[in-house]
Amino acid sequence: MSRGPNGTTSAGTADAHKQTPGGETLGPRASLVMSLVLGLLLGALSGLVMVPAAQHLRSLQGGERAQATLHTAGSCMAGQCRVEFEADGRTVIADLPVGSGGGKQSAGARLVIRYQADDPRTVAREADVEGGGAVVLAALSGGAALIFMIISAVAAVFLVRQRRTAGRGSSE
């Protein structure tokens, strides 16, 4: 409850709801802009990063098959894992692409990979050549982008209606 200038309380009145206990809140326009930006960023992540990563993984379906050792463990989904294997009689150390699985395996783990015959440094885990986690992340970020864009559209309609009713109320 807040006290007015004459000492009365404003519980249950419109003035009591205008005050924010924790400070400032975002206005409707700022919320609209933020949800629009989030939608665009998630859409860009899906369309510009994860879909091409899934396509790259799928392009290795017909590649040469080899046994490999996880050389450097890390966040394979972010492209921070490396594998070591034999190709054409030489040892190759190659980076697993963005969207690869297997991040819970430790260095030294054995796995089956596929690589391009003309470029053995282009590899993917055999388990990921169907698209791997990149397909899942593309779908999730695309779906989240769609949700934020719908929220933005609904918020825009709400703001337009609110502005119209405010304009009508002040002209009477």
N, C-alpha and C. Protein backbone atom coordinates (compact mmCIF):
# COMPACT_ATOMS: atom_id res chain seq x y z
N MET A 1 0.83 -1.19 0.00
CA MET A 1 0.00 0.00 0.00
C MET A 1 0.87 1.24 0.00
N SER A 2 0.39 2.26 -0.67
CA SER A 2 1.12 3.52 -0.65
C SER A 2 0.20 4.60 -0.09
N ARG A 3 0.80 5.58 0.49
CA ARG A 3 0.03 6.67 1.09
C ARG A 3 0.06 7.86 0.14
N GLY A 4 -1.08 8.45 -0.02
CA GLY A 4 -1.20 9.61 -0.88
C GLY A 4 -0.79 10.87 -0.14
N PRO A 5 -0.88 12.03 -0.79
CA PRO A 5 -0.46 13.29 -0.17
C PRO A 5 -1.31 13.68 1.04
N ASN A 6 -2.53 13.20 1.11
CA ASN A 6 -3.38 13.55 2.25
C ASN A 6 -3.36 12.47 3.33
N GLY A 7 -2.47 11.46 3.19
CA GLY A 7 -2.33 10.43 4.21
C GLY A 7 -3.21 9.22 4.00
N THR A 8 -4.03 9.21 2.96
CA THR A 8 -4.89 8.06 2.71
C THR A 8 -4.12 6.99 1.94
N THR A 9 -4.59 5.76 2.10
CA THR A 9 -3.93 4.66 1.38
C THR A 9 -4.59 4.49 0.02
N SER A 10 -3.80 3.94 -0.91
CA SER A 10 -4.33 3.77 -2.27
C SER A 10 -4.47 2.29 -2.62
N ALA A 11 -4.71 1.44 -1.62
CA ALA A 11 -4.90 0.02 -1.89
C ALA A 11 -6.17 -0.17 -2.69
N GLY A 12 -6.05 -0.96 -3.77
CA GLY A 12 -7.22 -1.25 -4.58
C GLY A 12 -7.53 -0.19 -5.61
N THR A 13 -6.77 0.89 -5.66
CA THR A 13 -7.02 1.91 -6.68
C THR A 13 -6.06 1.71 -7.83
N ALA A 14 -6.32 2.44 -8.88
CA ALA A 14 -5.48 2.33 -10.07
C ALA A 14 -4.05 2.79 -9.78
N ASP A 15 -3.88 3.76 -8.87
CA ASP A 15 -2.55 4.25 -8.55
C ASP A 15 -1.69 3.18 -7.90
N ALA A 16 -2.28 2.27 -7.16
CA ALA A 16 -1.52 1.22 -6.48
C ALA A 16 -0.88 0.28 -7.49
N HIS A 17 -1.48 0.10 -8.65
CA HIS A 17 -0.95 -0.82 -9.65
C HIS A 17 0.10 -0.18 -10.55
N LYS A 18 0.19 1.11 -10.55
CA LYS A 18 1.16 1.79 -11.40
C LYS A 18 2.56 1.75 -10.81
N GLN A 19 2.67 1.59 -9.52
CA GLN A 19 3.98 1.57 -8.89
C GLN A 19 4.58 0.18 -9.00
N THR A 20 5.88 0.14 -9.27
CA THR A 20 6.57 -1.15 -9.37
C THR A 20 7.49 -1.30 -8.17
N PRO A 21 7.35 -2.41 -7.42
CA PRO A 21 8.13 -2.56 -6.21
C PRO A 21 9.63 -2.71 -6.47
N GLY A 22 10.03 -3.32 -7.58
CA GLY A 22 11.45 -3.55 -7.82
C GLY A 22 12.09 -2.51 -8.70
N GLY A 23 11.43 -1.47 -9.01
CA GLY A 23 11.99 -0.44 -9.88
C GLY A 23 11.23 -0.37 -11.19
N GLU A 24 11.93 -0.01 -12.24
CA GLU A 24 11.33 0.17 -13.55
C GLU A 24 11.06 -1.18 -14.21
N THR A 25 10.01 -1.25 -15.02
CA THR A 25 9.74 -2.42 -15.85
C THR A 25 9.81 -2.00 -17.30
N LEU A 26 9.96 -2.97 -18.16
CA LEU A 26 10.02 -2.67 -19.58
C LEU A 26 8.64 -2.28 -20.08
N GLY A 27 8.61 -1.33 -20.94
CA GLY A 27 7.36 -0.94 -21.54
C GLY A 27 6.98 -1.91 -22.64
N PRO A 28 5.75 -1.78 -23.15
CA PRO A 28 5.31 -2.71 -24.19
C PRO A 28 6.13 -2.64 -25.46
N ARG A 29 6.60 -1.46 -25.82
CA ARG A 29 7.42 -1.34 -27.03
C ARG A 29 8.77 -2.02 -26.86
N ALA A 30 9.38 -1.87 -25.71
CA ALA A 30 10.67 -2.51 -25.45
C ALA A 30 10.51 -4.03 -25.47
N SER A 31 9.42 -4.52 -24.90
CA SER A 31 9.16 -5.96 -24.93
C SER A 31 8.96 -6.45 -26.35
N LEU A 32 8.27 -5.67 -27.14
CA LEU A 32 8.06 -6.02 -28.55
C LEU A 32 9.39 -6.10 -29.29
N VAL A 33 10.23 -5.10 -29.10
CA VAL A 33 11.53 -5.07 -29.77
C VAL A 33 12.40 -6.24 -29.31
N MET A 34 12.39 -6.51 -28.01
CA MET A 34 13.22 -7.61 -27.50
C MET A 34 12.76 -8.96 -28.04
N SER A 35 11.47 -9.21 -28.09
CA SER A 35 11.01 -10.49 -28.61
C SER A 35 11.26 -10.59 -30.11
N LEU A 36 11.17 -9.49 -30.81
CA LEU A 36 11.48 -9.48 -32.23
C LEU A 36 12.96 -9.77 -32.47
N VAL A 37 13.83 -9.15 -31.69
CA VAL A 37 15.27 -9.38 -31.82
C VAL A 37 15.61 -10.84 -31.48
N LEU A 38 15.03 -11.35 -30.40
CA LEU A 38 15.27 -12.76 -30.05
C LEU A 38 14.81 -13.70 -31.15
N GLY A 39 13.66 -13.43 -31.72
CA GLY A 39 13.15 -14.24 -32.82
C GLY A 39 14.08 -14.22 -34.02
N LEU A 40 14.57 -13.02 -34.36
CA LEU A 40 15.48 -12.90 -35.50
C LEU A 40 16.81 -13.59 -35.23
N LEU A 41 17.34 -13.46 -34.02
CA LEU A 41 18.60 -14.12 -33.68
C LEU A 41 18.47 -15.65 -33.71
N LEU A 42 17.40 -16.16 -33.14
CA LEU A 42 17.20 -17.61 -33.16
C LEU A 42 16.96 -18.11 -34.58
N GLY A 43 16.26 -17.34 -35.38
CA GLY A 43 16.06 -17.71 -36.78
C GLY A 43 17.37 -17.71 -37.54
N ALA A 44 18.23 -16.73 -37.26
CA ALA A 44 19.54 -16.69 -37.90
C ALA A 44 20.40 -17.87 -37.47
N LEU A 45 20.36 -18.21 -36.18
CA LEU A 45 21.10 -19.37 -35.70
C LEU A 45 20.66 -20.63 -36.43
N SER A 46 19.36 -20.78 -36.57
CA SER A 46 18.83 -21.95 -37.24
C SER A 46 19.18 -21.97 -38.72
N GLY A 47 18.89 -20.87 -39.40
CA GLY A 47 19.06 -20.84 -40.85
C GLY A 47 20.47 -20.66 -41.35
N LEU A 48 21.29 -19.93 -40.60
CA LEU A 48 22.64 -19.64 -41.07
C LEU A 48 23.73 -20.52 -40.47
N VAL A 49 23.44 -21.18 -39.35
CA VAL A 49 24.46 -22.00 -38.71
C VAL A 49 24.07 -23.48 -38.68
N MET A 50 22.93 -23.78 -38.08
CA MET A 50 22.60 -25.19 -37.83
C MET A 50 22.13 -25.93 -39.08
N VAL A 51 21.37 -25.30 -39.96
CA VAL A 51 20.94 -25.99 -41.19
C VAL A 51 22.14 -26.31 -42.09
N PRO A 52 23.07 -25.35 -42.33
CA PRO A 52 24.26 -25.71 -43.10
C PRO A 52 25.12 -26.78 -42.41
N ALA A 53 25.18 -26.76 -41.08
CA ALA A 53 25.94 -27.80 -40.37
C ALA A 53 25.32 -29.17 -40.60
N ALA A 54 24.00 -29.25 -40.56
CA ALA A 54 23.31 -30.52 -40.80
C ALA A 54 23.53 -30.98 -42.24
N GLN A 55 23.49 -30.05 -43.19
CA GLN A 55 23.74 -30.41 -44.58
C GLN A 55 25.16 -30.91 -44.78
N HIS A 56 26.12 -30.29 -44.10
CA HIS A 56 27.52 -30.73 -44.19
C HIS A 56 27.65 -32.16 -43.64
N LEU A 57 27.02 -32.42 -42.50
CA LEU A 57 27.09 -33.76 -41.94
C LEU A 57 26.47 -34.78 -42.89
N ARG A 58 25.36 -34.44 -43.50
CA ARG A 58 24.70 -35.35 -44.44
C ARG A 58 25.53 -35.58 -45.70
N SER A 59 26.34 -34.60 -46.08
CA SER A 59 27.14 -34.74 -47.30
C SER A 59 28.20 -35.83 -47.15
N LEU A 60 28.48 -36.24 -45.93
CA LEU A 60 29.50 -37.26 -45.70
C LEU A 60 28.93 -38.68 -45.62
N GLN A 61 27.65 -38.86 -45.94
CA GLN A 61 27.04 -40.19 -45.87
C GLN A 61 27.75 -41.19 -46.76
N GLY A 62 28.20 -40.78 -47.91
CA GLY A 62 28.88 -41.69 -48.84
C GLY A 62 30.39 -41.64 -48.72
N GLY A 63 30.89 -41.03 -47.66
CA GLY A 63 32.33 -40.90 -47.50
C GLY A 63 33.01 -42.21 -47.10
N GLU A 64 34.34 -42.19 -47.12
CA GLU A 64 35.14 -43.34 -46.72
C GLU A 64 34.95 -43.59 -45.23
N ARG A 65 34.90 -44.86 -44.87
CA ARG A 65 34.70 -45.24 -43.47
C ARG A 65 36.05 -45.58 -42.85
N ALA A 66 36.26 -45.17 -41.59
CA ALA A 66 37.52 -45.46 -40.90
C ALA A 66 37.30 -45.52 -39.39
N GLN A 67 38.17 -46.25 -38.71
CA GLN A 67 38.20 -46.25 -37.26
C GLN A 67 39.05 -45.07 -36.81
N ALA A 68 38.61 -44.36 -35.82
CA ALA A 68 39.35 -43.18 -35.34
C ALA A 68 39.42 -43.19 -33.83
N THR A 69 40.30 -42.38 -33.34
CA THR A 69 40.45 -42.16 -31.89
C THR A 69 40.15 -40.70 -31.61
N LEU A 70 39.36 -40.47 -30.58
CA LEU A 70 39.08 -39.09 -30.18
C LEU A 70 40.37 -38.50 -29.64
N HIS A 71 40.94 -37.57 -30.39
CA HIS A 71 42.24 -36.99 -30.06
C HIS A 71 42.11 -35.89 -29.02
N THR A 72 41.14 -35.01 -29.22
CA THR A 72 40.88 -33.89 -28.31
C THR A 72 39.40 -33.88 -27.98
N ALA A 73 39.09 -34.09 -26.71
CA ALA A 73 37.68 -34.06 -26.28
C ALA A 73 37.31 -32.63 -25.93
N GLY A 74 36.05 -32.35 -26.05
CA GLY A 74 35.55 -31.01 -25.73
C GLY A 74 34.08 -30.95 -26.05
N SER A 75 33.61 -29.78 -26.40
CA SER A 75 32.22 -29.61 -26.78
C SER A 75 32.11 -29.91 -28.28
N CYS A 76 31.80 -31.17 -28.59
CA CYS A 76 31.72 -31.58 -30.00
C CYS A 76 30.61 -30.85 -30.73
N MET A 77 29.52 -30.54 -30.05
CA MET A 77 28.40 -29.83 -30.68
C MET A 77 28.87 -28.47 -31.19
N ALA A 78 29.83 -27.85 -30.50
CA ALA A 78 30.36 -26.55 -30.91
C ALA A 78 31.57 -26.68 -31.84
N GLY A 79 31.92 -27.91 -32.21
CA GLY A 79 33.03 -28.12 -33.13
C GLY A 79 34.40 -28.07 -32.48
N GLN A 80 34.49 -28.47 -31.21
CA GLN A 80 35.77 -28.40 -30.51
C GLN A 80 36.39 -29.77 -30.26
N CYS A 81 35.99 -30.79 -31.01
CA CYS A 81 36.58 -32.13 -30.86
C CYS A 81 37.43 -32.44 -32.08
N ARG A 82 38.50 -33.21 -31.86
CA ARG A 82 39.37 -33.63 -32.95
C ARG A 82 39.52 -35.14 -32.90
N VAL A 83 39.66 -35.73 -34.07
CA VAL A 83 39.87 -37.17 -34.18
C VAL A 83 41.18 -37.45 -34.91
N GLU A 84 41.74 -38.63 -34.62
CA GLU A 84 42.97 -39.08 -35.28
C GLU A 84 42.67 -40.42 -35.94
N PHE A 85 43.08 -40.56 -37.21
CA PHE A 85 42.83 -41.80 -37.94
C PHE A 85 43.82 -41.94 -39.08
N GLU A 86 43.81 -43.11 -39.71
CA GLU A 86 44.68 -43.41 -40.83
C GLU A 86 43.90 -43.26 -42.13
N ALA A 87 44.46 -42.53 -43.09
CA ALA A 87 43.87 -42.37 -44.42
C ALA A 87 44.98 -42.41 -45.46
N ASP A 88 44.90 -43.34 -46.37
CA ASP A 88 45.90 -43.49 -47.43
C ASP A 88 47.31 -43.64 -46.85
N GLY A 89 47.45 -44.38 -45.76
CA GLY A 89 48.74 -44.66 -45.16
C GLY A 89 49.34 -43.53 -44.34
N ARG A 90 48.64 -42.50 -44.10
CA ARG A 90 49.17 -41.40 -43.27
C ARG A 90 48.21 -41.09 -42.14
N THR A 91 48.74 -40.57 -41.06
CA THR A 91 47.93 -40.22 -39.90
C THR A 91 47.35 -38.83 -40.10
N VAL A 92 46.05 -38.72 -39.89
CA VAL A 92 45.35 -37.45 -40.08
C VAL A 92 44.69 -37.07 -38.75
N ILE A 93 44.84 -35.82 -38.38
CA ILE A 93 44.12 -35.27 -37.23
C ILE A 93 43.18 -34.21 -37.79
N ALA A 94 41.88 -34.42 -37.58
CA ALA A 94 40.88 -33.52 -38.16
C ALA A 94 39.86 -33.10 -37.11
N ASP A 95 39.29 -31.93 -37.32
CA ASP A 95 38.25 -31.40 -36.44
C ASP A 95 36.90 -32.00 -36.82
N LEU A 96 36.14 -32.40 -35.81
CA LEU A 96 34.76 -32.79 -36.05
C LEU A 96 33.96 -31.51 -36.27
N PRO A 97 33.00 -31.52 -37.18
CA PRO A 97 32.27 -30.28 -37.49
C PRO A 97 31.27 -29.89 -36.40
N VAL A 98 30.83 -28.65 -36.48
CA VAL A 98 29.77 -28.15 -35.60
C VAL A 98 28.55 -29.05 -35.77
N GLY A 99 27.92 -29.39 -34.66
CA GLY A 99 26.74 -30.24 -34.70
C GLY A 99 27.03 -31.70 -34.44
N SER A 100 28.31 -32.04 -34.21
CA SER A 100 28.66 -33.43 -33.94
C SER A 100 28.26 -33.82 -32.54
N GLY A 101 27.98 -35.09 -32.37
CA GLY A 101 27.70 -35.63 -31.04
C GLY A 101 28.97 -36.20 -30.44
N GLY A 102 28.82 -36.93 -29.37
CA GLY A 102 29.97 -37.60 -28.77
C GLY A 102 30.75 -36.76 -27.79
N GLY A 103 30.21 -35.68 -27.33
CA GLY A 103 30.92 -34.79 -26.42
C GLY A 103 31.16 -35.38 -25.05
N LYS A 104 30.44 -36.45 -24.69
CA LYS A 104 30.61 -37.05 -23.37
C LYS A 104 31.75 -38.07 -23.35
N GLN A 105 32.29 -38.39 -24.52
CA GLN A 105 33.39 -39.34 -24.59
C GLN A 105 34.68 -38.63 -24.21
N SER A 106 35.59 -39.38 -23.62
CA SER A 106 36.87 -38.79 -23.24
C SER A 106 37.91 -39.05 -24.32
N ALA A 107 38.98 -38.29 -24.28
CA ALA A 107 40.06 -38.46 -25.26
C ALA A 107 40.56 -39.90 -25.20
N GLY A 108 40.82 -40.47 -26.37
CA GLY A 108 41.27 -41.85 -26.47
C GLY A 108 40.16 -42.81 -26.81
N ALA A 109 38.90 -42.34 -26.77
CA ALA A 109 37.77 -43.21 -27.10
C ALA A 109 37.80 -43.55 -28.59
N ARG A 110 37.41 -44.77 -28.93
CA ARG A 110 37.37 -45.22 -30.32
C ARG A 110 35.98 -44.92 -30.90
N LEU A 111 35.96 -44.48 -32.15
CA LEU A 111 34.71 -44.24 -32.83
C LEU A 111 34.88 -44.44 -34.33
N VAL A 112 33.79 -44.62 -35.03
CA VAL A 112 33.79 -44.80 -36.48
C VAL A 112 33.46 -43.45 -37.11
N ILE A 113 34.24 -43.09 -38.12
CA ILE A 113 34.04 -41.82 -38.81
C ILE A 113 33.83 -42.05 -40.30
N ARG A 114 33.37 -41.01 -40.95
CA ARG A 114 33.31 -40.96 -42.41
C ARG A 114 34.12 -39.74 -42.83
N TYR A 115 34.90 -39.86 -43.89
CA TYR A 115 35.66 -38.72 -44.39
C TYR A 115 35.61 -38.68 -45.90
N GLN A 116 35.87 -37.51 -46.48
CA GLN A 116 35.90 -37.35 -47.92
C GLN A 116 37.21 -37.92 -48.44
N ALA A 117 37.14 -38.72 -49.47
CA ALA A 117 38.34 -39.37 -50.02
C ALA A 117 39.34 -38.34 -50.54
N ASP A 118 38.85 -37.26 -51.15
CA ASP A 118 39.77 -36.25 -51.70
C ASP A 118 40.26 -35.25 -50.65
N ASP A 119 39.62 -35.21 -49.49
CA ASP A 119 40.03 -34.31 -48.41
C ASP A 119 39.79 -35.00 -47.06
N PRO A 120 40.77 -35.79 -46.58
CA PRO A 120 40.56 -36.54 -45.34
C PRO A 120 40.37 -35.67 -44.09
N ARG A 121 40.62 -34.38 -44.19
CA ARG A 121 40.40 -33.51 -43.02
C ARG A 121 38.93 -33.15 -42.86
N THR A 122 38.10 -33.49 -43.84
CA THR A 122 36.65 -33.27 -43.76
C THR A 122 36.02 -34.55 -43.26
N VAL A 123 35.68 -34.57 -41.97
CA VAL A 123 35.21 -35.80 -41.31
C VAL A 123 33.93 -35.55 -40.54
N ALA A 124 33.28 -36.64 -40.18
CA ALA A 124 32.13 -36.60 -39.27
C ALA A 124 32.01 -37.99 -38.64
N ARG A 125 31.48 -38.02 -37.43
CA ARG A 125 31.20 -39.32 -36.81
C ARG A 125 30.14 -40.02 -37.66
N GLU A 126 30.29 -41.33 -37.82
CA GLU A 126 29.32 -42.06 -38.61
C GLU A 126 27.92 -41.94 -38.02
N ALA A 127 27.84 -41.85 -36.72
CA ALA A 127 26.54 -41.70 -36.06
C ALA A 127 25.88 -40.36 -36.37
N ASP A 128 26.65 -39.40 -36.88
CA ASP A 128 26.12 -38.05 -37.13
C ASP A 128 25.81 -37.76 -38.59
N VAL A 129 26.10 -38.69 -39.51
CA VAL A 129 25.93 -38.37 -40.93
C VAL A 129 24.47 -38.26 -41.36
N GLU A 130 23.55 -38.56 -40.47
CA GLU A 130 22.13 -38.32 -40.75
C GLU A 130 21.73 -36.90 -40.38
N GLY A 131 22.64 -36.13 -39.86
CA GLY A 131 22.36 -34.74 -39.48
C GLY A 131 22.73 -34.48 -38.03
N GLY A 132 22.75 -35.53 -37.21
CA GLY A 132 23.18 -35.42 -35.82
C GLY A 132 22.39 -34.39 -35.01
N GLY A 133 23.06 -33.84 -34.05
CA GLY A 133 22.45 -32.84 -33.17
C GLY A 133 22.16 -31.54 -33.88
N ALA A 134 22.79 -31.32 -35.04
CA ALA A 134 22.55 -30.08 -35.78
C ALA A 134 21.10 -30.00 -36.25
N VAL A 135 20.53 -31.14 -36.64
CA VAL A 135 19.13 -31.16 -37.07
C VAL A 135 18.22 -30.81 -35.89
N VAL A 136 18.52 -31.39 -34.74
CA VAL A 136 17.71 -31.13 -33.55
C VAL A 136 17.80 -29.65 -33.16
N LEU A 137 19.02 -29.12 -33.13
CA LEU A 137 19.18 -27.70 -32.77
C LEU A 137 18.56 -26.77 -33.81
N ALA A 138 18.64 -27.14 -35.08
CA ALA A 138 18.00 -26.31 -36.12
C ALA A 138 16.50 -26.28 -35.90
N ALA A 139 15.91 -27.43 -35.58
CA ALA A 139 14.47 -27.49 -35.35
C ALA A 139 14.08 -26.72 -34.09
N LEU A 140 14.86 -26.89 -33.02
CA LEU A 140 14.53 -26.20 -31.76
C LEU A 140 14.68 -24.69 -31.89
N SER A 141 15.78 -24.24 -32.47
CA SER A 141 15.97 -22.79 -32.59
C SER A 141 15.00 -22.19 -33.61
N GLY A 142 14.67 -22.94 -34.65
CA GLY A 142 13.67 -22.47 -35.61
C GLY A 142 12.29 -22.37 -34.97
N GLY A 143 11.93 -23.36 -34.17
CA GLY A 143 10.65 -23.33 -33.46
C GLY A 143 10.58 -22.20 -32.46
N ALA A 144 11.68 -22.00 -31.72
CA ALA A 144 11.72 -20.89 -30.76
C ALA A 144 11.63 -19.55 -31.49
N ALA A 145 12.29 -19.44 -32.64
CA ALA A 145 12.21 -18.21 -33.43
C ALA A 145 10.77 -17.94 -33.86
N LEU A 146 10.10 -18.99 -34.28
CA LEU A 146 8.70 -18.85 -34.69
C LEU A 146 7.83 -18.38 -33.52
N ILE A 147 8.05 -18.95 -32.35
CA ILE A 147 7.28 -18.55 -31.16
C ILE A 147 7.51 -17.08 -30.84
N PHE A 148 8.76 -16.64 -30.87
CA PHE A 148 9.05 -15.23 -30.56
C PHE A 148 8.49 -14.29 -31.63
N MET A 149 8.47 -14.73 -32.87
CA MET A 149 7.89 -13.89 -33.92
C MET A 149 6.37 -13.78 -33.75
N ILE A 150 5.72 -14.87 -33.35
CA ILE A 150 4.28 -14.82 -33.07
C ILE A 150 4.00 -13.91 -31.89
N ILE A 151 4.82 -14.02 -30.85
CA ILE A 151 4.67 -13.13 -29.69
C ILE A 151 4.82 -11.68 -30.12
N SER A 152 5.78 -11.40 -31.00
CA SER A 152 5.99 -10.04 -31.49
C SER A 152 4.76 -9.54 -32.26
N ALA A 153 4.20 -10.40 -33.09
CA ALA A 153 3.01 -10.01 -33.87
C ALA A 153 1.83 -9.71 -32.95
N VAL A 154 1.63 -10.57 -31.96
CA VAL A 154 0.53 -10.36 -31.00
C VAL A 154 0.76 -9.06 -30.21
N ALA A 155 1.99 -8.82 -29.80
CA ALA A 155 2.30 -7.60 -29.05
C ALA A 155 2.09 -6.36 -29.92
N ALA A 156 2.44 -6.45 -31.21
CA ALA A 156 2.24 -5.31 -32.10
C ALA A 156 0.75 -5.00 -32.26
N VAL A 157 -0.06 -6.04 -32.43
CA VAL A 157 -1.51 -5.84 -32.54
C VAL A 157 -2.05 -5.23 -31.25
N PHE A 158 -1.59 -5.72 -30.11
CA PHE A 158 -2.02 -5.19 -28.82
C PHE A 158 -1.66 -3.70 -28.71
N LEU A 159 -0.45 -3.33 -29.10
CA LEU A 159 -0.04 -1.93 -29.01
C LEU A 159 -0.88 -1.04 -29.92
N VAL A 160 -1.18 -1.51 -31.12
CA VAL A 160 -2.00 -0.71 -32.04
C VAL A 160 -3.39 -0.52 -31.46
N ARG A 161 -3.98 -1.59 -30.93
CA ARG A 161 -5.32 -1.47 -30.34
C ARG A 161 -5.31 -0.56 -29.12
N GLN A 162 -4.26 -0.66 -28.32
CA GLN A 162 -4.15 0.17 -27.12
C GLN A 162 -4.04 1.64 -27.52
N ARG A 163 -3.29 1.92 -28.55
CA ARG A 163 -3.11 3.30 -29.02
C ARG A 163 -4.43 3.85 -29.56
N ARG A 164 -5.20 3.01 -30.27
CA ARG A 164 -6.49 3.45 -30.81
C ARG A 164 -7.48 3.78 -29.70
N THR A 165 -7.54 2.92 -28.67
CA THR A 165 -8.47 3.19 -27.58
C THR A 165 -8.03 4.39 -26.77
N ALA A 166 -6.74 4.61 -26.62
CA ALA A 166 -6.24 5.79 -25.91
C ALA A 166 -6.56 7.06 -26.71
N GLY A 167 -6.48 6.96 -28.04
CA GLY A 167 -6.81 8.11 -28.89
C GLY A 167 -8.28 8.45 -28.84
N ARG A 168 -9.13 7.46 -28.77
CA ARG A 168 -10.57 7.69 -28.69
C ARG A 168 -10.96 8.26 -27.33
N GLY A 169 -10.30 7.79 -26.29
CA GLY A 169 -10.64 8.27 -24.93
C GLY A 169 -10.27 9.71 -24.71
N SER A 170 -9.23 10.21 -25.33
CA SER A 170 -8.80 11.59 -25.13
C SER A 170 -9.58 12.56 -25.99
N SER A 171 -10.25 12.06 -27.06
CA SER A 171 -11.01 12.98 -27.91
C SER A 171 -12.42 13.19 -27.40
N GLU A 172 -12.87 12.43 -26.42
CA GLU A 172 -14.24 12.59 -25.90
C GLU A 172 -14.31 13.59 -24.80
